Amino acid sequence: LALEAGVPRNALTQRHTDLKNEFYAEVRARGGTPDSERRLRTQARR
């Protein structure tokens, strides 16, 4: 998302956390799981 928007990643993790949360909420609402969450779940299982 940061790359797509042309902003540094910390813009989403520090300045615009509401947009970050909105993005992840929309991903979940559409039935998807964010890639980062999927990777973390796979790593936790392993």
All heavy atoms as atom14 arrays in JSON, in Angstrom:
{
  "sequence": "LALEAGVPRNALTQRHTDLKNEFYAEVRARGGTPDSERRLRTQARR",
  "atom14_mask": [
    [1, 1, 1, 1, 1, 1, 1, 1, 0, 0, 0, 0, 0, 0],
    [1, 1, 1, 1, 1, 0, 0, 0, 0, 0, 0, 0, 0, 0],
    [1, 1, 1, 1, 1, 1, 1, 1, 0, 0, 0, 0, 0, 0],
    [1, 1, 1, 1, 1, 1, 1, 1, 1, 0, 0, 0, 0, 0],
    [1, 1, 1, 1, 1, 0, 0, 0, 0, 0, 0, 0, 0, 0],
    [1, 1, 1, 1, 0, 0, 0, 0, 0, 0, 0, 0, 0, 0],
    [1, 1, 1, 1, 1, 1, 1, 0, 0, 0, 0, 0, 0, 0],
    [1, 1, 1, 1, 1, 1, 1, 0, 0, 0, 0, 0, 0, 0],
    [1, 1, 1, 1, 1, 1, 1, 1, 1, 1, 1, 0, 0, 0],
    [1, 1, 1, 1, 1, 1, 1, 1, 0, 0, 0, 0, 0, 0],
    [1, 1, 1, 1, 1, 0, 0, 0, 0, 0, 0, 0, 0, 0],
    [1, 1, 1, 1, 1, 1, 1, 1, 0, 0, 0, 0, 0, 0],
    [1, 1, 1, 1, 1, 1, 1, 0, 0, 0, 0, 0, 0, 0],
    [1, 1, 1, 1, 1, 1, 1, 1, 1, 0, 0, 0, 0, 0],
    [1, 1, 1, 1, 1, 1, 1, 1, 1, 1, 1, 0, 0, 0],
    [1, 1, 1, 1, 1, 1, 1, 1, 1, 1, 0, 0, 0, 0],
    [1, 1, 1, 1, 1, 1, 1, 0, 0, 0, 0, 0, 0, 0],
    [1, 1, 1, 1, 1, 1, 1, 1, 0, 0, 0, 0, 0, 0],
    [1, 1, 1, 1, 1, 1, 1, 1, 0, 0, 0, 0, 0, 0],
    [1, 1, 1, 1, 1, 1, 1, 1, 1, 0, 0, 0, 0, 0],
    [1, 1, 1, 1, 1, 1, 1, 1, 0, 0, 0, 0, 0, 0],
    [1, 1, 1, 1, 1, 1, 1, 1, 1, 0, 0, 0, 0, 0],
    [1, 1, 1, 1, 1, 1, 1, 1, 1, 1, 1, 0, 0, 0],
    [1, 1, 1, 1, 1, 1, 1, 1, 1, 1, 1, 1, 0, 0],
    [1, 1, 1, 1, 1, 0, 0, 0, 0, 0, 0, 0, 0, 0],
    [1, 1, 1, 1, 1, 1, 1, 1, 1, 0, 0, 0, 0, 0],
    [1, 1, 1, 1, 1, 1, 1, 0, 0, 0, 0, 0, 0, 0],
    [1, 1, 1, 1, 1, 1, 1, 1, 1, 1, 1, 0, 0, 0],
    [1, 1, 1, 1, 1, 0, 0, 0, 0, 0, 0, 0, 0, 0],
    [1, 1, 1, 1, 1, 1, 1, 1, 1, 1, 1, 0, 0, 0],
    [1, 1, 1, 1, 0, 0, 0, 0, 0, 0, 0, 0, 0, 0],
    [1, 1, 1, 1, 0, 0, 0, 0, 0, 0, 0, 0, 0, 0],
    [1, 1, 1, 1, 1, 1, 1, 0, 0, 0, 0, 0, 0, 0],
    [1, 1, 1, 1, 1, 1, 1, 0, 0, 0, 0, 0, 0, 0],
    [1, 1, 1, 1, 1, 1, 1, 1, 0, 0, 0, 0, 0, 0],
    [1, 1, 1, 1, 1, 1, 0, 0, 0, 0, 0, 0, 0, 0],
    [1, 1, 1, 1, 1, 1, 1, 1, 1, 0, 0, 0, 0, 0],
    [1, 1, 1, 1, 1, 1, 1, 1, 1, 1, 1, 0, 0, 0],
    [1, 1, 1, 1, 1, 1, 1, 1, 1, 1, 1, 0, 0, 0],
    [1, 1, 1, 1, 1, 1, 1, 1, 0, 0, 0, 0, 0, 0],
    [1, 1, 1, 1, 1, 1, 1, 1, 1, 1, 1, 0, 0, 0],
    [1, 1, 1, 1, 1, 1, 1, 0, 0, 0, 0, 0, 0, 0],
    [1, 1, 1, 1, 1, 1, 1, 1, 1, 0, 0, 0, 0, 0],
    [1, 1, 1, 1, 1, 0, 0, 0, 0, 0, 0, 0, 0, 0],
    [1, 1, 1, 1, 1, 1, 1, 1, 1, 1, 1, 0, 0, 0],
    [1, 1, 1, 1, 1, 1, 1, 1, 1, 1, 1, 0, 0, 0]
  ],
  "atom14_positions": [
    [[0.84, -1.21, 0.0], [0.0, 0.0, 0.0], [0.87, 1.25, 0.0], [0.61, 2.2, -0.75], [-0.94, -0.01, 1.21], [-1.86, 1.2, 1.36], [-2.75, 1.37, 0.13], [-2.69, 1.07, 2.62], [0.0, 0.0, 0.0], [0.0, 0.0, 0.0], [0.0, 0.0, 0.0], [0.0, 0.0, 0.0], [0.0, 0.0, 0.0], [0.0, 0.0, 0.0]],
    [[1.9, 1.26, 0.82], [2.8, 2.42, 0.87], [3.48, 2.62, -0.48], [3.58, 3.76, -0.98], [3.83, 2.25, 1.98], [0.0, 0.0, 0.0], [0.0, 0.0, 0.0], [0.0, 0.0, 0.0], [0.0, 0.0, 0.0], [0.0, 0.0, 0.0], [0.0, 0.0, 0.0], [0.0, 0.0, 0.0], [0.0, 0.0, 0.0], [0.0, 0.0, 0.0]],
    [[3.95, 1.55, -1.06], [4.61, 1.63, -2.37], [3.63, 2.13, -3.42], [3.96, 3.01, -4.23], [5.16, 0.25, -2.76], [5.99, 0.17, -4.01], [7.25, 1.02, -3.87], [6.38, -1.28, -4.27], [0.0, 0.0, 0.0], [0.0, 0.0, 0.0], [0.0, 0.0, 0.0], [0.0, 0.0, 0.0], [0.0, 0.0, 0.0], [0.0, 0.0, 0.0]],
    [[2.43, 1.6, -3.39], [1.4, 2.0, -4.35], [1.05, 3.49, -4.2], [0.83, 4.18, -5.19], [0.14, 1.14, -4.15], [-0.93, 1.35, -5.16], [-0.58, 0.84, -6.55], [0.23, -0.09, -6.68], [-1.13, 1.39, -7.52], [0.0, 0.0, 0.0], [0.0, 0.0, 0.0], [0.0, 0.0, 0.0], [0.0, 0.0, 0.0], [0.0, 0.0, 0.0]],
    [[1.03, 3.97, -2.96], [0.69, 5.38, -2.71], [1.88, 6.31, -2.88], [1.71, 7.54, -2.92], [0.13, 5.52, -1.29], [0.0, 0.0, 0.0], [0.0, 0.0, 0.0], [0.0, 0.0, 0.0], [0.0, 0.0, 0.0], [0.0, 0.0, 0.0], [0.0, 0.0, 0.0], [0.0, 0.0, 0.0], [0.0, 0.0, 0.0], [0.0, 0.0, 0.0]],
    [[3.08, 5.75, -2.96], [4.27, 6.58, -3.09], [4.61, 7.3, -1.81], [5.09, 8.44, -1.83], [0.0, 0.0, 0.0], [0.0, 0.0, 0.0], [0.0, 0.0, 0.0], [0.0, 0.0, 0.0], [0.0, 0.0, 0.0], [0.0, 0.0, 0.0], [0.0, 0.0, 0.0], [0.0, 0.0, 0.0], [0.0, 0.0, 0.0], [0.0, 0.0, 0.0]],
    [[4.34, 6.64, -0.67], [4.65, 7.23, 0.64], [5.54, 6.26, 1.41], [5.55, 5.06, 1.12], [3.37, 7.51, 1.47], [2.47, 8.51, 0.74], [2.61, 6.25, 1.79], [0.0, 0.0, 0.0], [0.0, 0.0, 0.0], [0.0, 0.0, 0.0], [0.0, 0.0, 0.0], [0.0, 0.0, 0.0], [0.0, 0.0, 0.0], [0.0, 0.0, 0.0]],
    [[6.3, 6.76, 2.38], [7.1, 5.83, 3.18], [6.17, 4.96, 4.03], [5.07, 5.37, 4.4], [7.95, 6.75, 4.07], [7.42, 8.12, 3.91], [6.51, 8.15, 2.73], [0.0, 0.0, 0.0], [0.0, 0.0, 0.0], [0.0, 0.0, 0.0], [0.0, 0.0, 0.0], [0.0, 0.0, 0.0], [0.0, 0.0, 0.0], [0.0, 0.0, 0.0]],
    [[6.61, 3.75, 4.32], [5.79, 2.81, 5.1], [5.41, 3.39, 6.45], [4.29, 3.21, 6.93], [6.54, 1.49, 5.28], [5.72, 0.43, 6.0], [6.47, -0.87, 6.1], [7.73, -0.76, 6.79], [7.89, -0.85, 8.11], [6.86, -1.05, 8.88], [9.09, -0.74, 8.64], [0.0, 0.0, 0.0], [0.0, 0.0, 0.0], [0.0, 0.0, 0.0]],
    [[6.33, 4.12, 7.07], [6.02, 4.67, 8.39], [4.91, 5.72, 8.34], [4.33, 6.07, 9.36], [7.27, 5.21, 9.09], [7.79, 6.49, 8.48], [7.39, 6.87, 7.38], [8.69, 7.14, 9.18], [0.0, 0.0, 0.0], [0.0, 0.0, 0.0], [0.0, 0.0, 0.0], [0.0, 0.0, 0.0], [0.0, 0.0, 0.0], [0.0, 0.0, 0.0]],
    [[4.58, 6.22, 7.15], [3.44, 7.13, 7.05], [2.17, 6.39, 7.46], [1.27, 6.97, 8.07], [3.31, 7.65, 5.62], [0.0, 0.0, 0.0], [0.0, 0.0, 0.0], [0.0, 0.0, 0.0], [0.0, 0.0, 0.0], [0.0, 0.0, 0.0], [0.0, 0.0, 0.0], [0.0, 0.0, 0.0], [0.0, 0.0, 0.0], [0.0, 0.0, 0.0]],
    [[2.1, 5.11, 7.14], [0.92, 4.31, 7.5], [1.01, 3.76, 8.91], [0.0, 3.6, 9.58], [0.76, 3.16, 6.5], [0.34, 3.62, 5.11], [0.67, 2.57, 4.07], [-1.14, 3.94, 5.11], [0.0, 0.0, 0.0], [0.0, 0.0, 0.0], [0.0, 0.0, 0.0], [0.0, 0.0, 0.0], [0.0, 0.0, 0.0], [0.0, 0.0, 0.0]],
    [[2.21, 3.46, 9.36], [2.34, 2.85, 10.69], [2.43, 3.88, 11.8], [2.25, 3.52, 12.97], [3.58, 1.94, 10.75], [4.75, 2.7, 10.46], [3.46, 0.79, 9.77], [0.0, 0.0, 0.0], [0.0, 0.0, 0.0], [0.0, 0.0, 0.0], [0.0, 0.0, 0.0], [0.0, 0.0, 0.0], [0.0, 0.0, 0.0], [0.0, 0.0, 0.0]],
    [[2.69, 5.15, 11.45], [2.83, 6.17, 12.49], [1.87, 7.35, 12.31], [1.23, 7.76, 13.27], [4.28, 6.67, 12.53], [5.25, 5.6, 12.96], [6.7, 6.06, 12.85], [6.98, 7.22, 12.62], [7.62, 5.13, 13.01], [0.0, 0.0, 0.0], [0.0, 0.0, 0.0], [0.0, 0.0, 0.0], [0.0, 0.0, 0.0], [0.0, 0.0, 0.0]],
    [[1.77, 7.89, 11.11], [0.95, 9.09, 10.91], [-0.51, 8.79, 10.56], [-1.4, 9.5, 10.97], [1.55, 9.96, 9.8], [2.83, 10.65, 10.19], [3.2, 11.73, 9.19], [3.44, 11.25, 7.85], [4.64, 10.93, 7.37], [5.71, 11.04, 8.13], [4.78, 10.53, 6.12], [0.0, 0.0, 0.0], [0.0, 0.0, 0.0], [0.0, 0.0, 0.0]],
    [[-0.71, 7.74, 9.78], [-2.06, 7.46, 9.28], [-2.5, 6.05, 9.68], [-2.93, 5.25, 8.85], [-2.11, 7.6, 7.76], [-1.61, 8.92, 7.26], [-2.26, 10.12, 7.53], [-0.53, 9.25, 6.53], [-1.6, 11.11, 6.96], [-0.54, 10.61, 6.35], [0.0, 0.0, 0.0], [0.0, 0.0, 0.0], [0.0, 0.0, 0.0], [0.0, 0.0, 0.0]],
    [[-2.41, 5.79, 10.96], [-2.78, 4.45, 11.44], [-4.26, 4.17, 11.18], [-4.64, 3.01, 10.99], [-2.48, 4.29, 12.94], [-3.13, 5.32, 13.65], [-0.98, 4.33, 13.2], [0.0, 0.0, 0.0], [0.0, 0.0, 0.0], [0.0, 0.0, 0.0], [0.0, 0.0, 0.0], [0.0, 0.0, 0.0], [0.0, 0.0, 0.0], [0.0, 0.0, 0.0]],
    [[-5.09, 5.22, 11.15], [-6.51, 5.02, 10.85], [-6.69, 4.46, 9.45], [-7.52, 3.57, 9.22], [-7.29, 6.32, 11.03], [-6.81, 7.43, 10.1], [-5.57, 7.54, 9.88], [-7.65, 8.19, 9.6], [0.0, 0.0, 0.0], [0.0, 0.0, 0.0], [0.0, 0.0, 0.0], [0.0, 0.0, 0.0], [0.0, 0.0, 0.0], [0.0, 0.0, 0.0]],
    [[-5.9, 4.94, 8.49], [-5.99, 4.42, 7.12], [-5.45, 2.99, 7.04], [-6.01, 2.16, 6.31], [-5.24, 5.34, 6.15], [-5.83, 6.74, 5.96], [-4.95, 7.57, 5.04], [-7.26, 6.66, 5.44], [0.0, 0.0, 0.0], [0.0, 0.0, 0.0], [0.0, 0.0, 0.0], [0.0, 0.0, 0.0], [0.0, 0.0, 0.0], [0.0, 0.0, 0.0]],
    [[-4.41, 2.72, 7.78], [-3.88, 1.35, 7.82], [-4.95, 0.41, 8.36], [-5.22, -0.65, 7.77], [-2.63, 1.28, 8.7], [-2.09, -0.14, 8.88], [-1.02, -0.21, 9.94], [-1.71, -0.13, 11.28], [-0.97, -0.61, 12.41], [0.0, 0.0, 0.0], [0.0, 0.0, 0.0], [0.0, 0.0, 0.0], [0.0, 0.0, 0.0], [0.0, 0.0, 0.0]],
    [[-5.58, 0.78, 9.47], [-6.62, -0.06, 10.06], [-7.82, -0.2, 9.13], [-8.41, -1.27, 9.02], [-7.05, 0.51, 11.42], [-5.93, 0.45, 12.43], [-5.02, -0.37, 12.32], [-5.98, 1.32, 13.42], [0.0, 0.0, 0.0], [0.0, 0.0, 0.0], [0.0, 0.0, 0.0], [0.0, 0.0, 0.0], [0.0, 0.0, 0.0], [0.0, 0.0, 0.0]],
    [[-8.16, 0.88, 8.45], [-9.27, 0.85, 7.49], [-8.95, -0.11, 6.34], [-9.81, -0.87, 5.91], [-9.5, 2.27, 6.95], [-10.65, 2.4, 6.0], [-10.8, 3.82, 5.49], [-10.56, 4.77, 6.27], [-11.13, 3.98, 4.3], [0.0, 0.0, 0.0], [0.0, 0.0, 0.0], [0.0, 0.0, 0.0], [0.0, 0.0, 0.0], [0.0, 0.0, 0.0]],
    [[-7.71, -0.07, 5.87], [-7.29, -0.96, 4.79], [-7.42, -2.42, 5.21], [-8.03, -3.22, 4.51], [-5.84, -0.64, 4.4], [-5.25, -1.55, 3.34], [-5.7, -1.51, 2.04], [-4.24, -2.43, 3.66], [-5.16, -2.32, 1.06], [-3.68, -3.26, 2.7], [-4.15, -3.21, 1.39], [0.0, 0.0, 0.0], [0.0, 0.0, 0.0], [0.0, 0.0, 0.0]],
    [[-6.89, -2.76, 6.37], [-6.96, -4.15, 6.84], [-8.41, -4.56, 7.12], [-8.8, -5.7, 6.86], [-6.1, -4.36, 8.08], [-4.64, -4.58, 7.75], [-3.64, -4.11, 8.6], [-4.24, -5.26, 6.61], [-2.3, -4.32, 8.31], [-2.9, -5.46, 6.31], [-1.95, -4.99, 7.17], [-0.61, -5.2, 6.89], [0.0, 0.0, 0.0], [0.0, 0.0, 0.0]],
    [[-9.22, -3.64, 7.63], [-10.64, -3.96, 7.87], [-11.35, -4.25, 6.56], [-12.16, -5.19, 6.47], [-11.31, -2.8, 8.6], [0.0, 0.0, 0.0], [0.0, 0.0, 0.0], [0.0, 0.0, 0.0], [0.0, 0.0, 0.0], [0.0, 0.0, 0.0], [0.0, 0.0, 0.0], [0.0, 0.0, 0.0], [0.0, 0.0, 0.0], [0.0, 0.0, 0.0]],
    [[-11.04, -3.48, 5.53], [-11.65, -3.7, 4.21], [-11.2, -5.03, 3.62], [-12.0, -5.76, 3.02], [-11.31, -2.54, 3.27], [-11.99, -2.61, 1.93], [-13.5, -2.49, 2.01], [-14.01, -1.83, 2.92], [-14.18, -3.07, 1.12], [0.0, 0.0, 0.0], [0.0, 0.0, 0.0], [0.0, 0.0, 0.0], [0.0, 0.0, 0.0], [0.0, 0.0, 0.0]],
    [[-9.94, -5.36, 3.8], [-9.43, -6.65, 3.3], [-10.19, -7.79, 3.97], [-10.65, -8.73, 3.31], [-7.91, -6.78, 3.56], [-7.44, -8.2, 3.31], [-7.15, -5.8, 2.69], [0.0, 0.0, 0.0], [0.0, 0.0, 0.0], [0.0, 0.0, 0.0], [0.0, 0.0, 0.0], [0.0, 0.0, 0.0], [0.0, 0.0, 0.0], [0.0, 0.0, 0.0]],
    [[-10.36, -7.71, 5.3], [-11.08, -8.76, 6.03], [-12.55, -8.81, 5.64], [-13.13, -9.88, 5.52], [-10.93, -8.55, 7.53], [-9.56, -8.93, 8.04], [-9.48, -8.85, 9.56], [-8.11, -8.99, 9.99], [-7.26, -7.98, 10.16], [-7.67, -6.74, 9.99], [-6.02, -8.19, 10.53], [0.0, 0.0, 0.0], [0.0, 0.0, 0.0], [0.0, 0.0, 0.0]],
    [[-13.15, -7.64, 5.44], [-14.57, -7.58, 5.08], [-14.83, -8.23, 3.72], [-15.9, -8.79, 3.49], [-15.04, -6.13, 5.06], [0.0, 0.0, 0.0], [0.0, 0.0, 0.0], [0.0, 0.0, 0.0], [0.0, 0.0, 0.0], [0.0, 0.0, 0.0], [0.0, 0.0, 0.0], [0.0, 0.0, 0.0], [0.0, 0.0, 0.0], [0.0, 0.0, 0.0]],
    [[-13.85, -8.17, 2.86], [-14.0, -8.79, 1.54], [-13.69, -10.28, 1.58], [-13.64, -10.93, 0.54], [-13.08, -8.1, 0.54], [-13.5, -6.68, 0.26], [-12.49, -5.96, -0.57], [-12.9, -4.59, -0.78], [-13.05, -4.05, -1.98], [-12.79, -4.73, -3.06], [-13.44, -2.79, -2.08], [0.0, 0.0, 0.0], [0.0, 0.0, 0.0], [0.0, 0.0, 0.0]],
    [[-13.46, -10.8, 2.78], [-13.2, -12.24, 2.91], [-11.75, -12.61, 2.72], [-11.41, -13.78, 2.7], [0.0, 0.0, 0.0], [0.0, 0.0, 0.0], [0.0, 0.0, 0.0], [0.0, 0.0, 0.0], [0.0, 0.0, 0.0], [0.0, 0.0, 0.0], [0.0, 0.0, 0.0], [0.0, 0.0, 0.0], [0.0, 0.0, 0.0], [0.0, 0.0, 0.0]],
    [[-10.92, -11.64, 2.56], [-9.51, -11.92, 2.37], [-8.76, -11.8, 3.67], [-9.23, -11.24, 4.65], [0.0, 0.0, 0.0], [0.0, 0.0, 0.0], [0.0, 0.0, 0.0], [0.0, 0.0, 0.0], [0.0, 0.0, 0.0], [0.0, 0.0, 0.0], [0.0, 0.0, 0.0], [0.0, 0.0, 0.0], [0.0, 0.0, 0.0], [0.0, 0.0, 0.0]],
    [[-7.61, -12.4, 3.68], [-6.7, -12.26, 4.81], [-5.47, -11.55, 4.31], [-4.92, -11.93, 3.27], [-6.31, -13.66, 5.35], [-7.49, -14.36, 5.69], [-5.43, -13.55, 6.56], [0.0, 0.0, 0.0], [0.0, 0.0, 0.0], [0.0, 0.0, 0.0], [0.0, 0.0, 0.0], [0.0, 0.0, 0.0], [0.0, 0.0, 0.0], [0.0, 0.0, 0.0]],
    [[-5.05, -10.51, 5.0], [-3.84, -9.81, 4.54], [-2.67, -10.79, 4.42], [-2.53, -11.72, 5.21], [-3.59, -8.78, 5.65], [-4.92, -8.59, 6.31], [-5.61, -9.91, 6.2], [0.0, 0.0, 0.0], [0.0, 0.0, 0.0], [0.0, 0.0, 0.0], [0.0, 0.0, 0.0], [0.0, 0.0, 0.0], [0.0, 0.0, 0.0], [0.0, 0.0, 0.0]],
    [[-1.84, -10.56, 3.42], [-0.69, -11.43, 3.18], [0.2, -11.52, 4.41], [0.71, -12.59, 4.73], [0.13, -10.93, 1.99], [-0.62, -11.04, 0.68], [-1.63, -11.78, 0.64], [-0.2, -10.41, -0.3], [0.0, 0.0, 0.0], [0.0, 0.0, 0.0], [0.0, 0.0, 0.0], [0.0, 0.0, 0.0], [0.0, 0.0, 0.0], [0.0, 0.0, 0.0]],
    [[0.38, -10.4, 5.1], [1.24, -10.42, 6.28], [0.67, -11.34, 7.35], [1.4, -12.09, 7.99], [1.41, -9.01, 6.84], [0.15, -8.45, 7.16], [0.0, 0.0, 0.0], [0.0, 0.0, 0.0], [0.0, 0.0, 0.0], [0.0, 0.0, 0.0], [0.0, 0.0, 0.0], [0.0, 0.0, 0.0], [0.0, 0.0, 0.0], [0.0, 0.0, 0.0]],
    [[-0.65, -11.3, 7.52], [-1.28, -12.18, 8.51], [-1.16, -13.64, 8.09], [-0.88, -14.52, 8.9], [-2.75, -11.8, 8.67], [-3.45, -12.57, 9.77], [-4.88, -12.1, 9.97], [-5.19, -10.93, 9.69], [-5.69, -12.92, 10.42], [0.0, 0.0, 0.0], [0.0, 0.0, 0.0], [0.0, 0.0, 0.0], [0.0, 0.0, 0.0], [0.0, 0.0, 0.0]],
    [[-1.33, -13.91, 6.81], [-1.19, -15.27, 6.3], [0.23, -15.8, 6.54], [0.42, -16.93, 6.97], [-1.52, -15.28, 4.81], [-2.43, -16.41, 4.41], [-2.7, -16.38, 2.93], [-2.63, -15.02, 2.42], [-3.49, -14.48, 1.59], [-4.47, -15.18, 1.14], [-3.36, -13.25, 1.17], [0.0, 0.0, 0.0], [0.0, 0.0, 0.0], [0.0, 0.0, 0.0]],
    [[1.22, -14.94, 6.24], [2.61, -15.34, 6.45], [2.88, -15.61, 7.93], [3.55, -16.58, 8.29], [3.57, -14.27, 5.93], [3.73, -14.29, 4.42], [4.9, -13.41, 3.98], [4.87, -12.06, 4.5], [4.26, -11.02, 3.92], [3.63, -11.2, 2.78], [4.29, -9.84, 4.46], [0.0, 0.0, 0.0], [0.0, 0.0, 0.0], [0.0, 0.0, 0.0]],
    [[2.36, -14.73, 8.79], [2.56, -14.92, 10.23], [1.91, -16.2, 10.73], [2.47, -16.92, 11.55], [2.02, -13.72, 11.0], [2.87, -12.45, 10.92], [2.15, -11.29, 11.59], [4.23, -12.67, 11.56], [0.0, 0.0, 0.0], [0.0, 0.0, 0.0], [0.0, 0.0, 0.0], [0.0, 0.0, 0.0], [0.0, 0.0, 0.0], [0.0, 0.0, 0.0]],
    [[0.71, -16.49, 10.23], [0.04, -17.73, 10.64], [0.81, -18.96, 10.17], [0.96, -19.92, 10.91], [-1.39, -17.77, 10.1], [-2.31, -16.82, 10.82], [-3.69, -16.83, 10.21], [-4.48, -15.77, 10.76], [-5.66, -15.95, 11.34], [-6.17, -17.15, 11.42], [-6.32, -14.93, 11.83], [0.0, 0.0, 0.0], [0.0, 0.0, 0.0], [0.0, 0.0, 0.0]],
    [[1.33, -18.9, 8.95], [2.13, -20.01, 8.43], [3.39, -20.17, 9.27], [3.76, -21.29, 9.65], [2.51, -19.75, 6.96], [1.31, -19.64, 6.2], [3.37, -20.87, 6.4], [0.0, 0.0, 0.0], [0.0, 0.0, 0.0], [0.0, 0.0, 0.0], [0.0, 0.0, 0.0], [0.0, 0.0, 0.0], [0.0, 0.0, 0.0], [0.0, 0.0, 0.0]],
    [[4.03, -19.07, 9.59], [5.24, -19.13, 10.4], [4.94, -19.64, 11.81], [5.69, -20.45, 12.35], [5.9, -17.76, 10.47], [7.22, -17.77, 11.21], [7.88, -16.4, 11.23], [7.24, -15.39, 10.98], [9.16, -16.36, 11.53], [0.0, 0.0, 0.0], [0.0, 0.0, 0.0], [0.0, 0.0, 0.0], [0.0, 0.0, 0.0], [0.0, 0.0, 0.0]],
    [[3.83, -19.2, 12.38], [3.45, -19.66, 13.72], [3.19, -21.17, 13.71], [3.62, -21.9, 14.62], [2.21, -18.92, 14.22], [0.0, 0.0, 0.0], [0.0, 0.0, 0.0], [0.0, 0.0, 0.0], [0.0, 0.0, 0.0], [0.0, 0.0, 0.0], [0.0, 0.0, 0.0], [0.0, 0.0, 0.0], [0.0, 0.0, 0.0], [0.0, 0.0, 0.0]],
    [[2.51, -21.65, 12.68], [2.23, -23.09, 12.56], [3.55, -23.86, 12.44], [3.76, -24.88, 13.09], [1.32, -23.35, 11.36], [0.89, -24.79, 11.21], [-0.11, -25.02, 10.08], [0.24, -24.4, 8.82], [-0.35, -23.33, 8.32], [-1.33, -22.72, 8.96], [0.03, -22.83, 7.15], [0.0, 0.0, 0.0], [0.0, 0.0, 0.0], [0.0, 0.0, 0.0]],
    [[4.46, -23.36, 11.61], [5.74, -24.03, 11.43], [6.55, -24.03, 12.72], [7.16, -25.03, 13.09], [6.53, -23.33, 10.32], [7.8, -24.05, 9.91], [8.43, -23.46, 8.68], [9.51, -22.53, 8.68], [10.11, -21.86, 9.66], [9.73, -21.98, 10.86], [11.12, -21.06, 9.46], [0.0, 0.0, 0.0], [0.0, 0.0, 0.0], [0.0, 0.0, 0.0]]
  ]
}
